[in-house]
Amino acid sequence: MSIMDLIEKGKKNRQKKVREKALKNVAIGAAIGTTIGAAVGVLLAPKSGKENREDIMNAAKEIPEKAKEILEKTKEKVEEVKEKIRERKTKAVEEQEVEL
């Protein structure tokens, strides 16, 4: 393995980490956005104070479940991306070996 191959491999690893971090940040942002959106929707709804408090309590109980769902979906997406990266890497290595 040449120095250029090692440099390229390091570069690809850094890019992979950046993509994974970006996906994680998107998931966190989606969870926060969902939470804020639900809270604002409840607070701006034309209801009485008692109804709003009940809605807020119900929404607060649902937030952990929704966050878990978003987290699971994000994990699935990350795994899909990892698998695609593995496939592309394998294909690239095979093509490189054929050229040699």
C-alpha atoms as a PDB file:
ATOM      1  CA  MET A   1       0.000   0.000   0.000  1.00  0.00           C
ATOM      2  CA  SER A   2       1.530   3.283  -1.047  1.00  0.00           C
ATOM      3  CA  ILE A   3       1.601   6.523   0.884  1.00  0.00           C
ATOM      4  CA  MET A   4      -0.983   7.994  -1.478  1.00  0.00           C
ATOM      5  CA  ASP A   5      -3.336   5.095  -0.699  1.00  0.00           C
ATOM      6  CA  LEU A   6      -2.913   5.711   3.028  1.00  0.00           C
ATOM      7  CA  ILE A   7      -3.576   9.420   2.583  1.00  0.00           C
ATOM      8  CA  GLU A   8      -6.677   8.686   0.510  1.00  0.00           C
ATOM      9  CA  LYS A   9      -7.898   6.181   3.082  1.00  0.00           C
ATOM     10  CA  GLY A  10      -7.465   8.731   5.888  1.00  0.00           C
ATOM     11  CA  LYS A  11      -9.315  11.334   3.857  1.00  0.00           C
ATOM     12  CA  LYS A  12     -12.229   8.955   3.233  1.00  0.00           C
ATOM     13  CA  ASN A  13     -12.392   8.064   6.931  1.00  0.00           C
ATOM     14  CA  ARG A  14     -12.587  11.752   7.865  1.00  0.00           C
ATOM     15  CA  GLN A  15     -15.319  12.346   5.287  1.00  0.00           C
ATOM     16  CA  LYS A  16     -17.260   9.369   6.622  1.00  0.00           C
ATOM     17  CA  LYS A  17     -17.099  10.731  10.168  1.00  0.00           C
ATOM     18  CA  VAL A  18     -18.291  14.130   8.964  1.00  0.00           C
ATOM     19  CA  ARG A  19     -21.296  12.544   7.192  1.00  0.00           C
ATOM     20  CA  GLU A  20     -22.205  10.497  10.267  1.00  0.00           C
ATOM     21  CA  LYS A  21     -21.983  13.570  12.486  1.00  0.00           C
ATOM     22  CA  ALA A  22     -24.184  15.500  10.055  1.00  0.00           C
ATOM     23  CA  LEU A  23     -26.827  12.751  10.133  1.00  0.00           C
ATOM     24  CA  LYS A  24     -26.747  12.752  13.918  1.00  0.00           C
ATOM     25  CA  ASN A  25     -27.171  16.525  13.994  1.00  0.00           C
ATOM     26  CA  VAL A  26     -30.119  16.290  11.596  1.00  0.00           C
ATOM     27  CA  ALA A  27     -31.798  13.757  13.877  1.00  0.00           C
ATOM     28  CA  ILE A  28     -31.272  15.924  16.929  1.00  0.00           C
ATOM     29  CA  GLY A  29     -32.584  18.956  15.052  1.00  0.00           C
ATOM     30  CA  ALA A  30     -35.654  17.035  13.911  1.00  0.00           C
ATOM     31  CA  ALA A  31     -36.390  15.938  17.468  1.00  0.00           C
ATOM     32  CA  ILE A  32     -35.999  19.460  18.804  1.00  0.00           C
ATOM     33  CA  GLY A  33     -38.095  20.897  15.979  1.00  0.00           C
ATOM     34  CA  THR A  34     -40.860  18.385  16.585  1.00  0.00           C
ATOM     35  CA  THR A  35     -40.876  19.205  20.277  1.00  0.00           C
ATOM     36  CA  ILE A  36     -40.965  22.955  19.747  1.00  0.00           C
ATOM     37  CA  GLY A  37     -43.599  22.656  17.036  1.00  0.00           C
ATOM     38  CA  ALA A  38     -45.848  20.585  19.264  1.00  0.00           C
ATOM     39  CA  ALA A  39     -45.458  23.013  22.163  1.00  0.00           C
ATOM     40  CA  VAL A  40     -46.158  26.077  20.007  1.00  0.00           C
ATOM     41  CA  GLY A  41     -49.159  24.384  18.420  1.00  0.00           C
ATOM     42  CA  VAL A  42     -50.622  23.604  21.800  1.00  0.00           C
ATOM     43  CA  LEU A  43     -49.977  27.073  23.165  1.00  0.00           C
ATOM     44  CA  LEU A  44     -51.454  28.883  20.168  1.00  0.00           C
ATOM     45  CA  ALA A  45     -54.558  26.741  19.929  1.00  0.00           C
ATOM     46  CA  PRO A  46     -57.804  28.561  20.810  1.00  0.00           C
ATOM     47  CA  LYS A  47     -58.590  26.570  23.962  1.00  0.00           C
ATOM     48  CA  SER A  48     -59.123  27.273  27.617  1.00  0.00           C
ATOM     49  CA  GLY A  49     -56.221  27.252  30.070  1.00  0.00           C
ATOM     50  CA  LYS A  50     -57.283  23.918  31.519  1.00  0.00           C
ATOM     51  CA  GLU A  51     -57.470  22.294  28.091  1.00  0.00           C
ATOM     52  CA  ASN A  52     -54.086  23.759  27.148  1.00  0.00           C
ATOM     53  CA  ARG A  53     -52.478  22.421  30.330  1.00  0.00           C
ATOM     54  CA  GLU A  54     -53.913  18.973  29.627  1.00  0.00           C
ATOM     55  CA  ASP A  55     -52.654  19.133  26.049  1.00  0.00           C
ATOM     56  CA  ILE A  56     -49.208  20.214  27.235  1.00  0.00           C
ATOM     57  CA  MET A  57     -49.054  17.332  29.704  1.00  0.00           C
ATOM     58  CA  ASN A  58     -50.137  14.865  27.026  1.00  0.00           C
ATOM     59  CA  ALA A  59     -47.636  16.287  24.539  1.00  0.00           C
ATOM     60  CA  ALA A  60     -44.872  16.127  27.156  1.00  0.00           C
ATOM     61  CA  LYS A  61     -45.644  12.442  27.695  1.00  0.00           C
ATOM     62  CA  GLU A  62     -45.433  11.788  23.949  1.00  0.00           C
ATOM     63  CA  ILE A  63     -42.120  13.590  23.425  1.00  0.00           C
ATOM     64  CA  PRO A  64     -39.865  10.745  24.654  1.00  0.00           C
ATOM     65  CA  GLU A  65     -41.709   8.282  22.429  1.00  0.00           C
ATOM     66  CA  LYS A  66     -41.428  10.544  19.402  1.00  0.00           C
ATOM     67  CA  ALA A  67     -37.758  11.186  20.123  1.00  0.00           C
ATOM     68  CA  LYS A  68     -37.135   7.430  20.328  1.00  0.00           C
ATOM     69  CA  GLU A  69     -38.910   6.912  17.001  1.00  0.00           C
ATOM     70  CA  ILE A  70     -36.839   9.628  15.353  1.00  0.00           C
ATOM     71  CA  LEU A  71     -33.671   8.197  16.871  1.00  0.00           C
ATOM     72  CA  GLU A  72     -34.490   4.712  15.595  1.00  0.00           C
ATOM     73  CA  LYS A  73     -35.246   6.021  12.101  1.00  0.00           C
ATOM     74  CA  THR A  74     -31.996   7.959  12.134  1.00  0.00           C
ATOM     75  CA  LYS A  75     -30.051   4.897  13.251  1.00  0.00           C
ATOM     76  CA  GLU A  76     -31.602   2.944  10.386  1.00  0.00           C
ATOM     77  CA  LYS A  77     -30.641   5.668   7.914  1.00  0.00           C
ATOM     78  CA  VAL A  78     -27.096   5.794   9.278  1.00  0.00           C
ATOM     79  CA  GLU A  79     -26.795   2.029   8.903  1.00  0.00           C
ATOM     80  CA  GLU A  80     -28.105   2.269   5.336  1.00  0.00           C
ATOM     81  CA  VAL A  81     -25.535   4.941   4.532  1.00  0.00           C
ATOM     82  CA  LYS A  82     -22.776   2.880   6.168  1.00  0.00           C
ATOM     83  CA  GLU A  83     -23.775  -0.130   4.094  1.00  0.00           C
ATOM     84  CA  LYS A  84     -23.764   1.923   0.895  1.00  0.00           C
ATOM     85  CA  ILE A  85     -20.324   3.256   1.789  1.00  0.00           C
ATOM     86  CA  ARG A  86     -19.087  -0.294   2.438  1.00  0.00           C
ATOM     87  CA  GLU A  87     -20.486  -1.441  -0.908  1.00  0.00           C
ATOM     88  CA  ARG A  88     -18.881   1.451  -2.768  1.00  0.00           C
ATOM     89  CA  LYS A  89     -15.595   0.879  -0.969  1.00  0.00           C
ATOM     90  CA  THR A  90     -15.652  -2.817  -1.841  1.00  0.00           C
ATOM     91  CA  LYS A  91     -16.496  -2.035  -5.446  1.00  0.00           C
ATOM     92  CA  ALA A  92     -13.722   0.556  -5.659  1.00  0.00           C
ATOM     93  CA  VAL A  93     -11.190  -1.854  -4.161  1.00  0.00           C
ATOM     94  CA  GLU A  94     -12.248  -4.578  -6.599  1.00  0.00           C
ATOM     95  CA  GLU A  95     -11.972  -2.178  -9.531  1.00  0.00           C
ATOM     96  CA  GLN A  96      -8.545  -1.069  -8.304  1.00  0.00           C
ATOM     97  CA  GLU A  97      -7.398  -4.691  -8.043  1.00  0.00           C
ATOM     98  CA  VAL A  98      -8.613  -5.393 -11.574  1.00  0.00           C
ATOM     99  CA  GLU A  99      -6.608  -2.438 -12.879  1.00  0.00           C
ATOM    100  CA  LEU A 100      -3.454  -3.715 -11.217  1.00  0.00           C
END
